[in-house]
Amino acid sequence: MDIPTFVKNEQGLYHVQGCVKPEEIVSTAATILLDELTGRESLTAPTDVAQFLQMALAQEKNEVFSAIFLNNKHKVLGFETLFNGTIDSSAVYPRVVVQRALDCNAAAIIFAHNHPSGCSEPSTADRQITKRLKDALALIDVRVLDHFVVSRSGYVSLAERGWL
């Protein structure tokens, strides 16, 4: 029987049993943050979302495109990596995103992807796919609340920049 690497005590504090790789720490931290986001009544603070997304995506060696699915009160329904790419791009298909939003019964969505290069500045292609996704999802009454581009050194919110 495997002993859990991280054990949570009654006070909500964690301790480690045995040796742990850095990527296991980051992965566990992302899981803890997602649990906290999922447990809230609503998701309102962009910095909390950005912190989770950095933990979840910034360590990836290749670009990944993900989504946080939300209900009409902005409670987290789930987080999912939708597409995996290469070191500098990821193909994103609006049809697949629409299907997943319907499967989750989402009323709103937050997109995120990482830039393995370390620069979190959105590209023109990032802005274009966000518009395409927003237009496609509007047809089924799903609101796009934000699109975060994350790297190890930071993040950019397209909504905070006024690009949504």
C-alpha atoms as a PDB file:
ATOM      1  CA  MET A   1       0.000   0.000   0.000  1.00  0.00           C
ATOM      2  CA  ASP A   2       1.369   3.404  -0.997  1.00  0.00           C
ATOM      3  CA  ILE A   3       1.713   6.008   1.728  1.00  0.00           C
ATOM      4  CA  PRO A   4       0.402   9.422   0.602  1.00  0.00           C
ATOM      5  CA  THR A   5       3.210  11.868  -0.043  1.00  0.00           C
ATOM      6  CA  PHE A   6       1.262  14.788   1.438  1.00  0.00           C
ATOM      7  CA  VAL A   7      -0.896  14.369   4.524  1.00  0.00           C
ATOM      8  CA  LYS A   8      -3.384  16.975   5.719  1.00  0.00           C
ATOM      9  CA  ASN A   9      -4.001  17.254   9.455  1.00  0.00           C
ATOM     10  CA  GLU A  10      -7.140  18.400  11.323  1.00  0.00           C
ATOM     11  CA  GLN A  11      -5.988  22.041  11.250  1.00  0.00           C
ATOM     12  CA  GLY A  12      -5.728  21.961   7.456  1.00  0.00           C
ATOM     13  CA  LEU A  13      -1.925  21.923   7.460  1.00  0.00           C
ATOM     14  CA  TYR A  14       0.115  19.568   5.295  1.00  0.00           C
ATOM     15  CA  HIS A  15       3.244  17.609   6.024  1.00  0.00           C
ATOM     16  CA  VAL A  16       5.329  15.468   3.723  1.00  0.00           C
ATOM     17  CA  GLN A  17       6.168  11.816   4.188  1.00  0.00           C
ATOM     18  CA  GLY A  18       9.375  10.791   2.438  1.00  0.00           C
ATOM     19  CA  CYS A  19      11.285  12.468  -0.352  1.00  0.00           C
ATOM     20  CA  VAL A  20       9.401  14.674  -2.792  1.00  0.00           C
ATOM     21  CA  LYS A  21      10.337  15.976  -6.234  1.00  0.00           C
ATOM     22  CA  PRO A  22       9.795  19.706  -6.909  1.00  0.00           C
ATOM     23  CA  GLU A  23       7.207  18.962  -9.604  1.00  0.00           C
ATOM     24  CA  GLU A  24       5.209  16.925  -7.048  1.00  0.00           C
ATOM     25  CA  ILE A  25       5.143  19.948  -4.741  1.00  0.00           C
ATOM     26  CA  VAL A  26       3.940  22.228  -7.538  1.00  0.00           C
ATOM     27  CA  SER A  27       1.335  19.710  -8.679  1.00  0.00           C
ATOM     28  CA  THR A  28       0.035  19.271  -5.142  1.00  0.00           C
ATOM     29  CA  ALA A  29      -0.075  23.041  -4.619  1.00  0.00           C
ATOM     30  CA  ALA A  30      -2.121  23.420  -7.817  1.00  0.00           C
ATOM     31  CA  THR A  31      -4.513  20.701  -6.627  1.00  0.00           C
ATOM     32  CA  ILE A  32      -4.929  22.427  -3.253  1.00  0.00           C
ATOM     33  CA  LEU A  33      -5.584  25.781  -4.944  1.00  0.00           C
ATOM     34  CA  LEU A  34      -8.138  24.207  -7.296  1.00  0.00           C
ATOM     35  CA  ASP A  35      -9.904  22.631  -4.312  1.00  0.00           C
ATOM     36  CA  GLU A  36     -10.045  26.057  -2.661  1.00  0.00           C
ATOM     37  CA  LEU A  37     -11.392  27.685  -5.838  1.00  0.00           C
ATOM     38  CA  THR A  38     -13.966  24.932  -6.298  1.00  0.00           C
ATOM     39  CA  GLY A  39     -15.179  25.244  -2.720  1.00  0.00           C
ATOM     40  CA  ARG A  40     -16.008  28.945  -2.960  1.00  0.00           C
ATOM     41  CA  GLU A  41     -19.482  30.296  -3.528  1.00  0.00           C
ATOM     42  CA  SER A  42     -18.211  32.315  -6.466  1.00  0.00           C
ATOM     43  CA  LEU A  43     -14.976  33.150  -8.199  1.00  0.00           C
ATOM     44  CA  THR A  44     -14.399  36.896  -7.989  1.00  0.00           C
ATOM     45  CA  ALA A  45     -10.681  37.635  -7.506  1.00  0.00           C
ATOM     46  CA  PRO A  46      -8.581  37.517 -10.688  1.00  0.00           C
ATOM     47  CA  THR A  47      -5.392  37.261  -8.621  1.00  0.00           C
ATOM     48  CA  ASP A  48      -6.604  33.993  -7.013  1.00  0.00           C
ATOM     49  CA  VAL A  49      -7.353  32.565 -10.443  1.00  0.00           C
ATOM     50  CA  ALA A  50      -3.979  33.716 -11.767  1.00  0.00           C
ATOM     51  CA  GLN A  51      -2.158  32.158  -8.806  1.00  0.00           C
ATOM     52  CA  PHE A  52      -3.838  28.810  -9.418  1.00  0.00           C
ATOM     53  CA  LEU A  53      -3.189  28.960 -13.171  1.00  0.00           C
ATOM     54  CA  GLN A  54       0.487  29.763 -12.677  1.00  0.00           C
ATOM     55  CA  MET A  55       0.841  26.760 -10.379  1.00  0.00           C
ATOM     56  CA  ALA A  56      -1.106  24.504 -12.733  1.00  0.00           C
ATOM     57  CA  LEU A  57       0.413  25.552 -16.062  1.00  0.00           C
ATOM     58  CA  ALA A  58       3.655  27.520 -15.786  1.00  0.00           C
ATOM     59  CA  GLN A  59       5.859  24.447 -15.247  1.00  0.00           C
ATOM     60  CA  GLU A  60       4.690  22.765 -18.455  1.00  0.00           C
ATOM     61  CA  LYS A  61       7.446  22.287 -21.035  1.00  0.00           C
ATOM     62  CA  ASN A  62       5.007  22.614 -23.935  1.00  0.00           C
ATOM     63  CA  GLU A  63       2.120  24.988 -24.442  1.00  0.00           C
ATOM     64  CA  VAL A  64      -1.206  23.811 -23.038  1.00  0.00           C
ATOM     65  CA  PHE A  65      -4.604  25.463 -23.403  1.00  0.00           C
ATOM     66  CA  SER A  66      -7.001  25.062 -20.492  1.00  0.00           C
ATOM     67  CA  ALA A  67     -10.361  26.219 -19.241  1.00  0.00           C
ATOM     68  CA  ILE A  68     -12.082  26.810 -15.934  1.00  0.00           C
ATOM     69  CA  PHE A  69     -15.789  26.073 -16.332  1.00  0.00           C
ATOM     70  CA  LEU A  70     -18.183  28.078 -14.145  1.00  0.00           C
ATOM     71  CA  ASN A  71     -21.898  28.065 -13.392  1.00  0.00           C
ATOM     72  CA  ASN A  72     -24.121  31.155 -13.600  1.00  0.00           C
ATOM     73  CA  LYS A  73     -23.002  32.268 -10.107  1.00  0.00           C
ATOM     74  CA  HIS A  74     -19.327  31.842 -11.142  1.00  0.00           C
ATOM     75  CA  LYS A  75     -18.800  28.791  -8.944  1.00  0.00           C
ATOM     76  CA  VAL A  76     -16.125  26.500 -10.364  1.00  0.00           C
ATOM     77  CA  LEU A  77     -17.541  23.418 -12.055  1.00  0.00           C
ATOM     78  CA  GLY A  78     -14.167  22.131 -13.183  1.00  0.00           C
ATOM     79  CA  PHE A  79     -10.749  22.788 -14.642  1.00  0.00           C
ATOM     80  CA  GLU A  80      -9.499  20.977 -17.713  1.00  0.00           C
ATOM     81  CA  THR A  81      -6.595  21.054 -20.120  1.00  0.00           C
ATOM     82  CA  LEU A  82      -8.286  21.026 -23.517  1.00  0.00           C
ATOM     83  CA  PHE A  83      -5.325  21.082 -25.912  1.00  0.00           C
ATOM     84  CA  ASN A  84      -1.631  20.189 -25.761  1.00  0.00           C
ATOM     85  CA  GLY A  85       0.816  21.821 -28.115  1.00  0.00           C
ATOM     86  CA  THR A  86       4.489  22.310 -28.806  1.00  0.00           C
ATOM     87  CA  ILE A  87       7.079  24.626 -27.275  1.00  0.00           C
ATOM     88  CA  ASP A  88       5.550  27.707 -28.896  1.00  0.00           C
ATOM     89  CA  SER A  89       1.969  26.973 -29.945  1.00  0.00           C
ATOM     90  CA  SER A  90      -1.147  24.945 -29.344  1.00  0.00           C
ATOM     91  CA  ALA A  91      -3.938  24.331 -31.824  1.00  0.00           C
ATOM     92  CA  VAL A  92      -7.300  25.360 -30.347  1.00  0.00           C
ATOM     93  CA  TYR A  93     -10.576  24.217 -31.902  1.00  0.00           C
ATOM     94  CA  PRO A  94     -13.709  26.249 -31.020  1.00  0.00           C
ATOM     95  CA  ARG A  95     -15.965  23.275 -31.768  1.00  0.00           C
ATOM     96  CA  VAL A  96     -14.264  21.196 -29.052  1.00  0.00           C
ATOM     97  CA  VAL A  97     -14.457  24.089 -26.570  1.00  0.00           C
ATOM     98  CA  VAL A  98     -18.184  24.539 -27.247  1.00  0.00           C
ATOM     99  CA  GLN A  99     -18.764  20.796 -26.795  1.00  0.00           C
ATOM    100  CA  ARG A 100     -16.919  20.766 -23.447  1.00  0.00           C
ATOM    101  CA  ALA A 101     -18.793  23.858 -22.223  1.00  0.00           C
ATOM    102  CA  LEU A 102     -22.085  22.144 -23.025  1.00  0.00           C
ATOM    103  CA  ASP A 103     -20.943  18.879 -21.398  1.00  0.00           C
ATOM    104  CA  CYS A 104     -20.080  20.790 -18.203  1.00  0.00           C
ATOM    105  CA  ASN A 105     -23.307  22.813 -18.383  1.00  0.00           C
ATOM    106  CA  ALA A 106     -21.158  25.924 -18.027  1.00  0.00           C
ATOM    107  CA  ALA A 107     -22.599  29.421 -18.032  1.00  0.00           C
ATOM    108  CA  ALA A 108     -19.185  31.086 -18.074  1.00  0.00           C
ATOM    109  CA  ILE A 109     -15.597  30.156 -18.810  1.00  0.00           C
ATOM    110  CA  ILE A 110     -12.086  31.397 -18.120  1.00  0.00           C
ATOM    111  CA  PHE A 111      -9.378  30.388 -20.565  1.00  0.00           C
ATOM    112  CA  ALA A 112      -5.693  30.024 -19.824  1.00  0.00           C
ATOM    113  CA  HIS A 113      -2.576  28.899 -21.534  1.00  0.00           C
ATOM    114  CA  ASN A 114       1.088  28.970 -20.730  1.00  0.00           C
ATOM    115  CA  HIS A 115       4.054  30.421 -22.568  1.00  0.00           C
ATOM    116  CA  PRO A 116       6.995  28.076 -21.913  1.00  0.00           C
ATOM    117  CA  SER A 117       9.352  30.782 -23.223  1.00  0.00           C
ATOM    118  CA  GLY A 118       8.838  32.661 -19.950  1.00  0.00           C
ATOM    119  CA  CYS A 119       7.260  35.740 -21.553  1.00  0.00           C
ATOM    120  CA  SER A 120       3.594  36.042 -20.605  1.00  0.00           C
ATOM    121  CA  GLU A 121       2.829  38.789 -23.127  1.00  0.00           C
ATOM    122  CA  PRO A 122      -0.152  37.678 -25.301  1.00  0.00           C
ATOM    123  CA  SER A 123       0.482  37.327 -29.011  1.00  0.00           C
ATOM    124  CA  THR A 124      -1.791  38.499 -31.805  1.00  0.00           C
ATOM    125  CA  ALA A 125      -2.770  34.843 -32.294  1.00  0.00           C
ATOM    126  CA  ASP A 126      -3.744  34.639 -28.599  1.00  0.00           C
ATOM    127  CA  ARG A 127      -6.047  37.609 -28.985  1.00  0.00           C
ATOM    128  CA  GLN A 128      -7.528  36.245 -32.215  1.00  0.00           C
ATOM    129  CA  ILE A 129      -8.370  32.816 -30.802  1.00  0.00           C
ATOM    130  CA  THR A 130      -9.916  34.469 -27.747  1.00  0.00           C
ATOM    131  CA  LYS A 131     -12.227  36.465 -30.018  1.00  0.00           C
ATOM    132  CA  ARG A 132     -13.133  33.353 -32.043  1.00  0.00           C
ATOM    133  CA  LEU A 133     -13.908  31.415 -28.867  1.00  0.00           C
ATOM    134  CA  LYS A 134     -15.902  34.300 -27.395  1.00  0.00           C
ATOM    135  CA  ASP A 135     -17.981  34.567 -30.592  1.00  0.00           C
ATOM    136  CA  ALA A 136     -18.585  30.789 -30.755  1.00  0.00           C
ATOM    137  CA  LEU A 137     -19.555  30.541 -27.096  1.00  0.00           C
ATOM    138  CA  ALA A 138     -21.867  33.561 -27.325  1.00  0.00           C
ATOM    139  CA  LEU A 139     -24.040  31.493 -29.685  1.00  0.00           C
ATOM    140  CA  ILE A 140     -24.802  29.116 -26.818  1.00  0.00           C
ATOM    141  CA  ASP A 141     -25.001  31.821 -24.113  1.00  0.00           C
ATOM    142  CA  VAL A 142     -21.685  31.025 -22.422  1.00  0.00           C
ATOM    143  CA  ARG A 143     -19.767  34.128 -21.309  1.00  0.00           C
ATOM    144  CA  VAL A 144     -15.984  34.321 -21.620  1.00  0.00           C
ATOM    145  CA  LEU A 145     -14.850  36.098 -18.464  1.00  0.00           C
ATOM    146  CA  ASP A 146     -11.110  36.141 -19.090  1.00  0.00           C
ATOM    147  CA  HIS A 147      -8.128  34.590 -20.820  1.00  0.00           C
ATOM    148  CA  PHE A 148      -4.897  34.364 -18.834  1.00  0.00           C
ATOM    149  CA  VAL A 149      -1.475  33.876 -20.356  1.00  0.00           C
ATOM    150  CA  VAL A 150       0.875  32.541 -17.697  1.00  0.00           C
ATOM    151  CA  SER A 151       4.576  31.892 -17.392  1.00  0.00           C
ATOM    152  CA  ARG A 152       6.919  31.177 -14.510  1.00  0.00           C
ATOM    153  CA  SER A 153       7.610  34.882 -14.126  1.00  0.00           C
ATOM    154  CA  GLY A 154       4.074  36.273 -14.295  1.00  0.00           C
ATOM    155  CA  TYR A 155       0.726  36.419 -15.997  1.00  0.00           C
ATOM    156  CA  VAL A 156      -1.383  38.671 -18.203  1.00  0.00           C
ATOM    157  CA  SER A 157      -5.165  38.898 -18.015  1.00  0.00           C
ATOM    158  CA  LEU A 158      -6.769  39.861 -21.325  1.00  0.00           C
ATOM    159  CA  ALA A 159      -9.814  41.164 -19.416  1.00  0.00           C
ATOM    160  CA  GLU A 160      -7.644  43.437 -17.259  1.00  0.00           C
ATOM    161  CA  ARG A 161      -6.115  44.802 -20.442  1.00  0.00           C
ATOM    162  CA  GLY A 162      -9.587  45.531 -21.818  1.00  0.00           C
ATOM    163  CA  TRP A 163      -9.217  43.043 -24.683  1.00  0.00           C
ATOM    164  CA  LEU A 164     -12.399  41.060 -24.014  1.00  0.00           C
END
